[in-house]
């Protein structure tokens, strides 16, 4: 091909690009008018949602026809625009979503997001930081480190502690057990479970979260090698039974390596005897992980520190900022007392992701299984900046007080019986003489009439109802309304 022809082709392409680049606008960028309209619709939606909360059903009846339309849609070739999208979101998505922010949404350990959350989530989406290695997210790296160091100080971990924000307590427990395996089983990174040696055994209570079983299954330990230890009269792990189980496994040629204690069981809020368990783990050279997803952040309240002091002695602990810090989902956390052990479990070399080490900045890809990670820390950090720790301390204390208030109300109503001590904010009770089916029907009735969304519970073979007050919007008036309705129910059975 002649040189002048090639040059002409190159010149033509360059001229075309130069002439047209200023005219190009991505199809995925809103115009000035569309951006203004989207902002207007979003603010209107947020304000209406907040204003209408008291009258909104706590658990709306799903419009199944409208939801089915979502599945009937084919992949759209043409978009419906900003207004069309917001119309669909309001009419179909919001209208058919559980009202988690309702003050009587009390079925789960799940609170509503704090007031600044929607705005900071929008900022996180806008800057879209990939929180894997620090070059891609320098400010995010420091913000996450700040949040983790603050959380470590709450549980009184030493300066050597490191951690990572996760999708929730289940993932934090999975990552904790992976760290424990790497630390307590020689050569585990190289051989995994394809090693000669005795079967590995992990211990937890019968009241522990199912994430322990899931982690054992995922990591290849096997659910058959999870010992579910009996609890005492307060639904706490029985240390004597734990000791006996460890001794029996050693005698049978198996290898105990980890104990998962619970700081706030999901069903009753029981706190295992953490100090005694920590003593036993130290004596037996076992890794101690504390599942503090529900209860750990009650350490914000000084009156809970004696009960939960053993958290500070754990090798690792999971916390959930999306519970008592009221961050929107997802925001879990894993902290490891010796941060070098967390990094040893998850750090791998890759030349295409290497940047210089920096004492200020952290490569979080080396502290967990993910490479691509969103900016979870911003919503936690922003809420602490906006409201201050004292606001969260006051809120957590109020939920504890409301739970005790609810429990006293249950005890004062003939025909209702508390099923467990109220240690944190879970209040478990039963309607005397009611069958499991009748109590299930009562739950459905309370939700349908918008009295409250409560949940079922099974404690020591007894079926009942459970209210979990981890909602910063709940007031004494809400509790009074529920108690009055329950009193009518109990009286109707008399």
Protein backbone atom coordinates (compact mmCIF):
# COMPACT_ATOMS: atom_id res chain seq x y z
CA UNK A 1 0.00 0.00 0.00
CA UNK A 2 1.46 3.41 -0.99
CA UNK A 3 2.68 5.52 1.88
CA UNK A 4 0.66 8.53 0.79
CA UNK A 5 -2.54 6.43 0.85
CA UNK A 6 -1.83 5.18 4.35
CA UNK A 7 -1.09 8.71 5.47
CA UNK A 8 -4.33 9.85 3.94
CA UNK A 9 -6.29 7.18 5.78
CA UNK A 10 -4.64 8.14 9.06
CA UNK A 11 -5.33 11.82 8.42
CA UNK A 12 -8.94 11.10 7.57
CA UNK A 13 -9.55 9.14 10.76
CA UNK A 14 -7.85 11.76 12.88
CA UNK A 15 -9.89 14.53 11.26
CA UNK A 16 -13.12 12.61 11.79
CA UNK A 17 -12.35 11.99 15.47
CA UNK A 18 -11.30 15.58 16.03
CA UNK A 19 -14.46 16.93 14.39
CA UNK A 20 -16.86 14.58 16.13
CA UNK A 21 -15.44 13.99 19.61
CA UNK A 22 -16.90 17.24 20.89
CA UNK A 23 -20.31 16.13 19.67
CA UNK A 24 -20.23 12.75 21.40
CA UNK A 25 -22.27 12.25 24.56
CA UNK A 26 -22.55 8.80 26.09
CA UNK A 27 -25.97 7.25 25.85
CA UNK A 28 -25.63 6.45 29.58
CA UNK A 29 -25.23 10.03 30.80
CA UNK A 30 -28.27 12.09 31.73
CA UNK A 31 -28.82 15.46 30.12
CA UNK A 32 -28.93 18.54 32.32
CA UNK A 33 -32.72 18.44 32.23
CA UNK A 34 -32.87 14.70 33.00
CA UNK A 35 -30.42 15.06 35.88
CA UNK A 36 -32.47 17.85 37.41
CA UNK A 37 -35.64 15.79 37.00
CA UNK A 38 -34.05 12.69 38.55
CA UNK A 39 -32.91 14.73 41.54
CA UNK A 40 -36.36 16.21 41.95
CA UNK A 41 -38.07 12.82 41.77
CA UNK A 42 -35.59 11.27 44.21
CA UNK A 43 -35.97 14.00 46.83
CA UNK A 44 -39.75 13.83 46.49
CA UNK A 45 -39.67 10.05 46.94
CA UNK A 46 -37.47 10.24 50.06
CA UNK A 47 -39.58 12.97 51.64
CA UNK A 48 -42.86 11.20 50.92
CA UNK A 49 -41.51 7.90 52.26
CA UNK A 50 -40.50 9.54 55.53
CA UNK A 51 -43.75 11.50 55.87
CA UNK A 52 -46.02 8.53 55.14
CA UNK A 53 -44.24 5.99 57.38
CA UNK A 54 -46.75 6.07 60.29
CA UNK A 55 -49.63 5.19 57.94
CA UNK A 56 -47.73 2.74 55.76
CA UNK A 57 -48.46 -0.97 56.32
CA UNK A 58 -45.56 -2.59 58.15
CA UNK A 59 -45.87 -5.57 55.80
CA UNK A 60 -47.82 -4.63 52.67
CA UNK A 61 -49.79 -7.33 50.91
CA UNK A 62 -47.83 -7.95 47.68
CA UNK A 63 -49.56 -6.95 44.46
CA UNK A 64 -48.73 -10.20 42.73
CA UNK A 65 -50.04 -9.12 39.34
CA UNK A 66 -47.83 -6.06 39.32
CA UNK A 67 -44.81 -8.05 40.50
CA UNK A 68 -45.48 -10.70 37.86
CA UNK A 69 -45.27 -7.96 35.23
CA UNK A 70 -41.60 -7.56 36.14
CA UNK A 71 -41.00 -11.14 35.05
CA UNK A 72 -43.17 -10.81 31.97
CA UNK A 73 -41.09 -7.93 30.62
CA UNK A 74 -38.64 -8.81 27.89
CA UNK A 75 -35.22 -7.22 27.88
CA UNK A 76 -36.13 -3.63 26.90
CA UNK A 77 -34.63 -2.36 23.66
CA UNK A 78 -35.71 1.21 24.38
CA UNK A 79 -35.61 2.90 27.77
CA UNK A 80 -38.59 4.48 29.50
CA UNK A 81 -36.71 7.54 30.70
CA UNK A 82 -36.34 9.13 34.10
CA UNK A 83 -40.02 9.71 34.84
CA UNK A 84 -41.01 6.29 33.54
CA UNK A 85 -38.40 4.65 35.73
CA UNK A 86 -39.37 6.53 38.88
CA UNK A 87 -43.05 5.76 38.23
CA UNK A 88 -42.24 2.04 38.10
CA UNK A 89 -40.05 2.23 41.19
CA UNK A 90 -42.75 3.99 43.20
CA UNK A 91 -45.70 1.94 41.95
CA UNK A 92 -44.07 -1.49 41.88
CA UNK A 93 -40.85 -1.60 43.94
CA UNK A 94 -41.53 0.70 46.90
CA UNK A 95 -45.20 -0.26 47.12
CA UNK A 96 -44.31 -3.95 47.38
CA UNK A 97 -41.43 -3.71 49.85
CA UNK A 98 -41.42 -4.49 53.57
CA UNK A 99 -41.50 -1.26 55.55
CA UNK A 100 -38.31 -1.88 57.51
CA UNK A 101 -38.34 1.71 58.77
CA UNK A 102 -41.77 1.33 60.41
CA UNK A 103 -41.50 1.80 64.16
CA UNK A 104 -43.28 -1.52 64.80
CA UNK A 105 -41.16 -3.59 62.42
CA UNK A 106 -39.84 -5.84 65.20
CA UNK A 107 -39.55 -9.35 63.80
CA UNK A 108 -35.83 -9.44 63.12
CA UNK A 109 -32.47 -8.09 64.26
CA UNK A 110 -32.81 -5.48 61.55
CA UNK A 111 -33.22 -1.78 62.11
CA UNK A 112 -34.02 1.04 59.72
CA UNK A 113 -31.19 3.03 58.16
CA UNK A 114 -30.13 6.24 59.83
CA UNK A 115 -31.22 9.53 58.31
CA UNK A 116 -28.04 10.40 56.42
CA UNK A 117 -27.69 6.96 54.83
CA UNK A 118 -29.59 7.55 51.58
CA UNK A 119 -27.46 10.56 50.75
CA UNK A 120 -24.09 8.98 51.48
CA UNK A 121 -25.04 5.85 49.54
CA UNK A 122 -25.69 8.07 46.53
CA UNK A 123 -22.25 9.63 46.92
CA UNK A 124 -20.61 6.19 47.19
CA UNK A 125 -22.37 5.17 43.96
CA UNK A 126 -21.28 8.38 42.25
CA UNK A 127 -17.56 8.05 42.97
CA UNK A 128 -17.75 4.23 42.66
CA UNK A 129 -14.50 3.38 44.42
CA UNK A 130 -13.18 -0.16 44.08
CA UNK A 131 -11.88 -0.82 47.58
CA UNK A 132 -9.35 -3.50 46.74
CA UNK A 133 -5.91 -1.92 46.49
CA UNK A 134 -5.26 1.59 47.65
CA UNK A 135 -4.34 3.16 44.32
CA UNK A 136 -7.93 2.69 43.12
CA UNK A 137 -9.46 4.07 46.34
CA UNK A 138 -7.03 6.10 48.47
CA UNK A 139 -9.58 8.08 50.48
CA UNK A 140 -11.84 5.02 50.82
CA UNK A 141 -8.88 3.01 52.14
CA UNK A 142 -8.29 5.53 54.92
CA UNK A 143 -11.99 5.84 55.72
CA UNK A 144 -12.31 2.05 56.07
CA UNK A 145 -9.21 1.94 58.25
CA UNK A 146 -10.67 4.71 60.41
CA UNK A 147 -13.95 2.82 60.87
CA UNK A 148 -12.17 -0.45 61.65
CA UNK A 149 -9.85 1.13 64.19
CA UNK A 150 -12.79 2.78 65.88
CA UNK A 151 -14.71 -0.51 66.03
CA UNK A 152 -11.61 -2.26 67.38
CA UNK A 153 -11.44 0.32 70.16
CA UNK A 154 -15.09 -0.37 71.06
CA UNK A 155 -14.33 -4.07 71.66
CA UNK A 156 -10.98 -3.16 73.29
CA UNK A 157 -8.81 -4.98 70.77
CA UNK A 158 -5.10 -4.03 70.76
CA UNK A 159 -3.38 -1.82 68.20
CA UNK A 160 -2.19 -4.98 66.41
CA UNK A 161 -5.77 -5.74 65.33
CA UNK A 162 -6.80 -5.51 61.70
CA UNK A 163 -10.10 -6.09 60.00
CA UNK A 164 -12.29 -5.65 56.98
CA UNK A 165 -15.87 -4.63 56.31
CA UNK A 166 -17.97 -7.47 54.92
CA UNK A 167 -21.44 -8.10 53.57
CA UNK A 168 -22.65 -9.13 57.04
CA UNK A 169 -22.05 -11.33 60.04
CA UNK A 170 -22.29 -14.58 58.09
CA UNK A 171 -19.45 -13.62 55.77
CA UNK A 172 -17.46 -12.30 58.71
CA UNK A 173 -17.78 -15.66 60.48
CA UNK A 174 -16.80 -17.51 57.29
CA UNK A 175 -13.71 -15.35 56.91
CA UNK A 176 -12.88 -15.71 60.61
CA UNK A 177 -12.95 -19.51 60.39
CA UNK A 178 -10.82 -19.42 57.24
CA UNK A 179 -8.30 -17.30 59.15
CA UNK A 180 -8.40 -19.71 62.09
CA UNK A 181 -7.81 -22.71 59.82
CA UNK A 182 -4.82 -21.03 58.23
CA UNK A 183 -3.41 -20.18 61.66
CA UNK A 184 -4.14 -23.35 63.61
CA UNK A 185 -3.64 -26.06 60.97
CA UNK A 186 0.01 -26.22 59.83
CA UNK A 187 0.38 -26.04 56.07
CA UNK A 188 -3.32 -25.42 55.53
CA UNK A 189 -2.86 -22.89 52.74
CA UNK A 190 -0.90 -25.41 50.69
CA UNK A 191 -2.76 -28.64 51.34
CA UNK A 192 -6.15 -27.48 52.53
CA UNK A 193 -8.10 -30.45 53.78
CA UNK A 194 -6.19 -32.78 51.41
CA UNK A 195 -3.81 -33.48 54.24
CA UNK A 196 -3.09 -36.51 56.36
CA UNK A 197 -4.22 -35.93 59.90
CA UNK A 198 -7.14 -36.14 62.29
CA UNK A 199 -10.58 -34.67 61.48
CA UNK A 200 -10.95 -31.03 62.54
CA UNK A 201 -13.75 -30.10 64.98
CA UNK A 202 -15.36 -26.72 65.71
CA UNK A 203 -17.61 -26.02 68.71
CA UNK A 204 -20.55 -23.71 69.20
CA UNK A 205 -23.87 -23.74 71.06
CA UNK A 206 -27.23 -25.11 70.01
CA UNK A 207 -28.43 -21.50 69.97
CA UNK A 208 -25.66 -20.29 67.65
CA UNK A 209 -26.38 -18.67 64.30
CA UNK A 210 -26.62 -21.07 61.36
CA UNK A 211 -23.73 -19.23 59.70
CA UNK A 212 -21.37 -21.43 61.74
CA UNK A 213 -22.76 -24.55 60.06
CA UNK A 214 -22.66 -22.82 56.68
CA UNK A 215 -19.04 -21.83 57.16
CA UNK A 216 -18.11 -25.40 58.13
CA UNK A 217 -19.84 -26.72 55.02
CA UNK A 218 -18.26 -24.16 52.68
CA UNK A 219 -14.76 -24.56 54.10
CA UNK A 220 -14.89 -28.35 53.84
CA UNK A 221 -14.89 -29.00 57.59
CA UNK A 222 -18.31 -30.58 57.28
CA UNK A 223 -21.40 -30.03 59.39
CA UNK A 224 -20.78 -33.42 61.00
CA UNK A 225 -17.70 -31.89 62.61
CA UNK A 226 -19.59 -29.00 64.22
CA UNK A 227 -20.41 -29.74 67.86
CA UNK A 228 -23.59 -28.00 68.97
CA UNK A 229 -23.09 -27.72 72.71
CA UNK A 230 -26.03 -27.66 75.13
CA UNK A 231 -27.00 -24.44 76.87
CA UNK A 232 -27.77 -23.59 80.48
CA UNK A 233 -31.04 -22.30 81.94
CA UNK A 234 -30.29 -18.85 80.48
CA UNK A 235 -29.72 -20.22 76.96
CA UNK A 236 -25.94 -19.66 77.20
CA UNK A 237 -23.34 -22.16 76.06
CA UNK A 238 -22.62 -24.61 78.90
CA UNK A 239 -18.87 -24.46 79.53
CA UNK A 240 -18.78 -27.78 81.37
CA UNK A 241 -20.47 -29.47 78.42
CA UNK A 242 -18.03 -27.74 76.06
CA UNK A 243 -15.06 -28.98 78.08
CA UNK A 244 -16.40 -32.54 78.05
CA UNK A 245 -16.95 -32.43 74.27
CA UNK A 246 -13.42 -31.22 73.62
CA UNK A 247 -11.96 -33.96 75.82
CA UNK A 248 -14.10 -36.62 74.14
CA UNK A 249 -12.98 -35.55 70.67
CA UNK A 250 -9.31 -35.52 71.65
CA UNK A 251 -9.67 -38.99 73.14
CA UNK A 252 -11.28 -40.20 69.90
CA UNK A 253 -8.34 -38.94 67.84
CA UNK A 254 -10.03 -35.84 66.44
CA UNK A 255 -8.51 -32.34 66.45
CA UNK A 256 -10.40 -29.51 68.17
CA UNK A 257 -9.27 -26.17 66.71
CA UNK A 258 -11.95 -23.50 67.15
CA UNK A 259 -14.81 -22.36 69.38
CA UNK A 260 -17.48 -19.93 68.19
CA UNK A 261 -19.10 -18.15 71.14
CA UNK A 262 -22.10 -15.87 70.75
CA UNK A 263 -22.54 -12.36 72.07
CA UNK A 264 -26.28 -12.13 71.54
CA UNK A 265 -28.02 -15.22 70.21
CA UNK A 266 -30.59 -14.46 67.54
CA UNK A 267 -33.51 -16.12 69.31
CA UNK A 268 -33.17 -14.76 72.85
CA UNK A 269 -30.23 -12.35 72.89
CA UNK A 270 -28.32 -14.58 75.33
CA UNK A 271 -24.63 -13.80 75.83
CA UNK A 272 -22.41 -16.84 76.27
CA UNK A 273 -20.04 -16.82 79.31
CA UNK A 274 -17.25 -15.27 77.27
CA UNK A 275 -14.63 -15.00 80.00
CA UNK A 276 -14.93 -18.67 80.95
CA UNK A 277 -14.86 -19.71 77.29
CA UNK A 278 -11.78 -17.54 76.70
CA UNK A 279 -10.06 -19.22 79.66
CA UNK A 280 -10.84 -22.66 78.24
CA UNK A 281 -9.65 -21.72 74.72
CA UNK A 282 -6.39 -20.38 76.12
CA UNK A 283 -5.87 -23.58 78.10
CA UNK A 284 -6.73 -25.82 75.14
CA UNK A 285 -4.95 -23.65 72.51
CA UNK A 286 -8.12 -23.18 70.48
CA UNK A 287 -9.04 -20.20 68.32
CA UNK A 288 -11.90 -18.21 69.85
CA UNK A 289 -14.25 -16.42 67.48
CA UNK A 290 -17.05 -14.34 68.97
CA UNK A 291 -20.17 -13.84 66.88
CA UNK A 292 -21.10 -10.34 67.96
CA UNK A 293 -23.24 -9.54 64.94
CA UNK A 294 -26.31 -8.95 67.12
CA UNK A 295 -24.90 -7.96 70.48
CA UNK A 296 -21.31 -6.82 70.09
CA UNK A 297 -22.06 -3.15 69.53
CA UNK A 298 -24.05 -2.95 72.76
CA UNK A 299 -20.54 -2.43 74.12
CA UNK A 300 -21.29 1.21 73.32
CA UNK A 301 -23.27 1.20 76.58
CA UNK A 302 -21.05 1.13 79.65
CA UNK A 303 -23.62 -0.90 81.57
CA UNK A 304 -23.11 -3.81 79.14
CA UNK A 305 -19.32 -3.92 79.37
CA UNK A 306 -19.10 -6.30 82.32
CA UNK A 307 -21.41 -8.81 80.62
CA UNK A 308 -19.46 -8.63 77.35
CA UNK A 309 -15.92 -8.09 78.65
CA UNK A 310 -14.76 -11.42 77.23
CA UNK A 311 -15.10 -10.00 73.70
CA UNK A 312 -11.74 -8.32 74.20
CA UNK A 313 -10.07 -11.72 74.63
CA UNK A 314 -11.31 -13.23 71.37
CA UNK A 315 -8.95 -14.06 68.51
CA UNK A 316 -11.60 -12.66 66.17
CA UNK A 317 -15.01 -11.04 66.42
CA UNK A 318 -17.78 -10.23 63.96
CA UNK A 319 -19.88 -7.07 64.27
CA UNK A 320 -22.74 -5.69 62.18
CA UNK A 321 -22.81 -1.91 61.66
CA UNK A 322 -25.99 -2.49 59.65
CA UNK A 323 -27.67 -3.38 62.94
CA UNK A 324 -26.86 -1.08 65.85
CA UNK A 325 -25.14 1.61 63.80
CA UNK A 326 -28.19 1.56 61.52
CA UNK A 327 -26.19 1.58 58.31
CA UNK A 328 -28.15 0.42 55.26
CA UNK A 329 -27.44 -3.10 54.11
CA UNK A 330 -24.81 -4.38 53.69
CA UNK A 331 -22.28 -3.49 56.38
CA UNK A 332 -20.72 -6.28 58.42
CA UNK A 333 -17.28 -6.37 59.98
CA UNK A 334 -14.57 -8.85 60.91
CA UNK A 335 -11.83 -7.88 63.37
CA UNK A 336 -8.84 -10.13 64.12
CA UNK A 337 -6.75 -9.48 67.23
CA UNK A 338 -3.47 -10.20 65.45
CA UNK A 339 -3.89 -8.55 62.07
CA UNK A 340 -0.94 -10.39 60.55
CA UNK A 341 -2.97 -13.60 60.80
CA UNK A 342 -5.83 -12.13 58.79
CA UNK A 343 -3.45 -11.00 56.06
CA UNK A 344 -1.64 -14.35 56.08
CA UNK A 345 -4.93 -16.09 55.27
CA UNK A 346 -5.97 -13.89 52.34
CA UNK A 347 -2.96 -12.15 50.75
CA UNK A 348 -1.78 -13.42 47.36
CA UNK A 349 0.76 -11.86 45.02
CA UNK A 350 -0.31 -10.63 41.60
CA UNK A 351 1.99 -8.48 39.50
CA UNK A 352 -0.84 -6.62 37.77
CA UNK A 353 -2.22 -5.35 41.11
CA UNK A 354 1.03 -4.44 42.83
CA UNK A 355 1.53 -0.95 44.22
CA UNK A 356 4.08 0.30 46.73
CA UNK A 357 3.30 -0.32 50.37
CA UNK A 358 2.22 2.82 52.17
CA UNK A 359 1.92 3.19 55.96
CA UNK A 360 -1.22 5.28 55.59
CA UNK A 361 -3.05 3.19 53.01
CA UNK A 362 -4.28 -0.41 53.01
CA UNK A 363 -4.79 -2.99 50.26
CA UNK A 364 -8.03 -4.59 51.50
CA UNK A 365 -7.82 -7.26 48.83
CA UNK A 366 -5.21 -8.81 51.16
CA UNK A 367 -7.64 -9.05 54.10
CA UNK A 368 -10.56 -10.91 52.57
CA UNK A 369 -11.66 -13.05 49.60
CA UNK A 370 -12.98 -10.24 47.39
CA UNK A 371 -11.12 -8.20 44.82
CA UNK A 372 -13.97 -5.97 43.68
CA UNK A 373 -15.45 -4.32 46.78
CA UNK A 374 -17.78 -1.36 47.14
CA UNK A 375 -17.28 1.57 49.50
CA UNK A 376 -19.17 0.21 52.55
CA UNK A 377 -17.16 2.29 54.98
CA UNK A 378 -18.51 5.63 53.75
CA UNK A 379 -22.03 5.09 55.12
CA UNK A 380 -20.69 4.01 58.52
CA UNK A 381 -18.12 6.81 58.74
CA UNK A 382 -20.59 9.45 57.52
CA UNK A 383 -23.22 8.55 60.10
CA UNK A 384 -20.67 8.76 62.91
CA UNK A 385 -19.52 12.12 61.57
CA UNK A 386 -23.07 13.46 61.15
CA UNK A 387 -24.59 12.30 64.44
CA UNK A 388 -21.66 11.54 66.75
CA UNK A 389 -21.08 8.43 68.83
CA UNK A 390 -23.21 9.73 71.68
CA UNK A 391 -26.32 9.62 69.47
CA UNK A 392 -25.73 5.93 68.77
CA UNK A 393 -24.94 5.26 72.40
CA UNK A 394 -28.24 6.86 73.43
CA UNK A 395 -30.16 4.95 70.76
CA UNK A 396 -28.76 1.54 71.73
CA UNK A 397 -29.46 2.28 75.39
CA UNK A 398 -33.04 3.23 74.53
CA UNK A 399 -33.62 -0.06 72.68
CA UNK A 400 -32.41 -1.95 75.77
CA UNK A 401 -34.76 0.06 77.98
CA UNK A 402 -37.71 -0.47 75.64
CA UNK A 403 -37.11 -4.22 75.65
CA UNK A 404 -37.23 -4.27 79.46
CA UNK A 405 -40.38 -2.12 79.32
CA UNK A 406 -41.97 -4.58 76.90
CA UNK A 407 -40.97 -7.53 79.11
CA UNK A 408 -42.51 -5.94 82.19
CA UNK A 409 -45.69 -5.35 80.21
CA UNK A 410 -45.83 -9.01 79.14
CA UNK A 411 -45.37 -10.16 82.74
CA UNK A 412 -48.20 -7.87 83.86
CA UNK A 413 -50.75 -9.39 81.46
CA UNK A 414 -52.51 -12.56 82.67
CA UNK A 415 -52.36 -15.22 79.99
CA UNK A 416 -48.95 -14.21 78.63
CA UNK A 417 -45.65 -15.78 79.71
CA UNK A 418 -42.06 -14.76 79.06
CA UNK A 419 -40.09 -17.67 77.59
CA UNK A 420 -36.56 -16.42 78.29
CA UNK A 421 -34.66 -13.76 80.21
CA UNK A 422 -34.40 -10.46 78.34
CA UNK A 423 -30.65 -9.89 78.15
CA UNK A 424 -30.53 -7.57 75.13
CA UNK A 425 -33.53 -6.53 73.04
CA UNK A 426 -35.19 -9.83 72.12
CA UNK A 427 -38.44 -10.36 74.03
CA UNK A 428 -39.79 -13.91 73.71
CA UNK A 429 -43.20 -14.80 75.05
CA UNK A 430 -46.15 -17.13 74.54
CA UNK A 431 -49.91 -16.93 74.79
CA UNK A 432 -50.81 -19.46 77.48
CA UNK A 433 -52.54 -22.51 76.10
CA UNK A 434 -52.23 -21.44 72.47
CA UNK A 435 -51.10 -24.07 69.98
CA UNK A 436 -48.22 -23.39 67.57
CA UNK A 437 -50.76 -22.92 64.78
CA UNK A 438 -52.76 -20.43 66.85
CA UNK A 439 -49.64 -18.41 67.64
CA UNK A 440 -48.71 -18.37 63.96
CA UNK A 441 -52.20 -17.10 63.14
CA UNK A 442 -51.79 -14.39 65.77
CA UNK A 443 -48.55 -13.24 64.13
CA UNK A 444 -50.32 -13.02 60.78
CA UNK A 445 -53.21 -11.10 62.33
CA UNK A 446 -50.96 -8.57 64.07
CA UNK A 447 -49.19 -7.89 60.78
CA UNK A 448 -52.38 -7.75 58.68
CA UNK A 449 -54.04 -5.23 61.01
CA UNK A 450 -50.79 -3.21 61.13
CA UNK A 451 -50.34 -3.61 64.86
CA UNK A 452 -46.78 -4.91 64.46
CA UNK A 453 -44.57 -7.35 62.62
CA UNK A 454 -43.35 -9.83 65.23
CA UNK A 455 -41.65 -13.15 64.59
CA UNK A 456 -41.98 -16.78 65.68
CA UNK A 457 -39.59 -18.38 68.16
CA UNK A 458 -38.92 -21.89 69.47
CA UNK A 459 -37.17 -22.08 72.85
CA UNK A 460 -36.55 -25.37 74.61
CA UNK A 461 -39.36 -26.98 72.64
CA UNK A 462 -41.85 -24.16 73.37
CA UNK A 463 -43.37 -22.17 70.54
CA UNK A 464 -43.94 -18.47 71.01
CA UNK A 465 -43.68 -14.97 69.65
CA UNK A 466 -40.64 -12.70 69.54
CA UNK A 467 -40.19 -8.97 69.35
CA UNK A 468 -36.68 -7.70 68.68
CA UNK A 469 -36.36 -3.99 69.38
CA UNK A 470 -33.44 -2.93 67.22
CA UNK A 471 -35.32 -0.04 65.65
CA UNK A 472 -34.27 3.53 66.41
CA UNK A 473 -37.79 4.75 65.53
CA UNK A 474 -39.61 2.60 68.10
CA UNK A 475 -41.15 4.45 71.06
CA UNK A 476 -42.88 3.53 74.31
CA UNK A 477 -46.16 4.43 72.59
CA UNK A 478 -45.50 1.70 70.00
CA UNK A 479 -44.88 -0.82 72.78
CA UNK A 480 -48.06 0.28 74.58
CA UNK A 481 -50.10 -0.22 71.41
CA UNK A 482 -48.75 -3.77 70.98
CA UNK A 483 -49.26 -4.65 74.64
CA UNK A 484 -52.85 -3.39 74.57
CA UNK A 485 -53.60 -5.59 71.58
CA UNK A 486 -51.95 -8.61 73.23
CA UNK A 487 -53.95 -7.99 76.37
CA UNK A 488 -57.15 -8.17 74.30
CA UNK A 489 -55.94 -11.44 72.78
CA UNK A 490 -55.11 -12.95 76.16
CA UNK A 491 -58.40 -11.79 77.68
CA UNK A 492 -60.33 -13.32 74.79
CA UNK A 493 -58.87 -16.72 75.67
CA UNK A 494 -59.82 -16.45 79.35
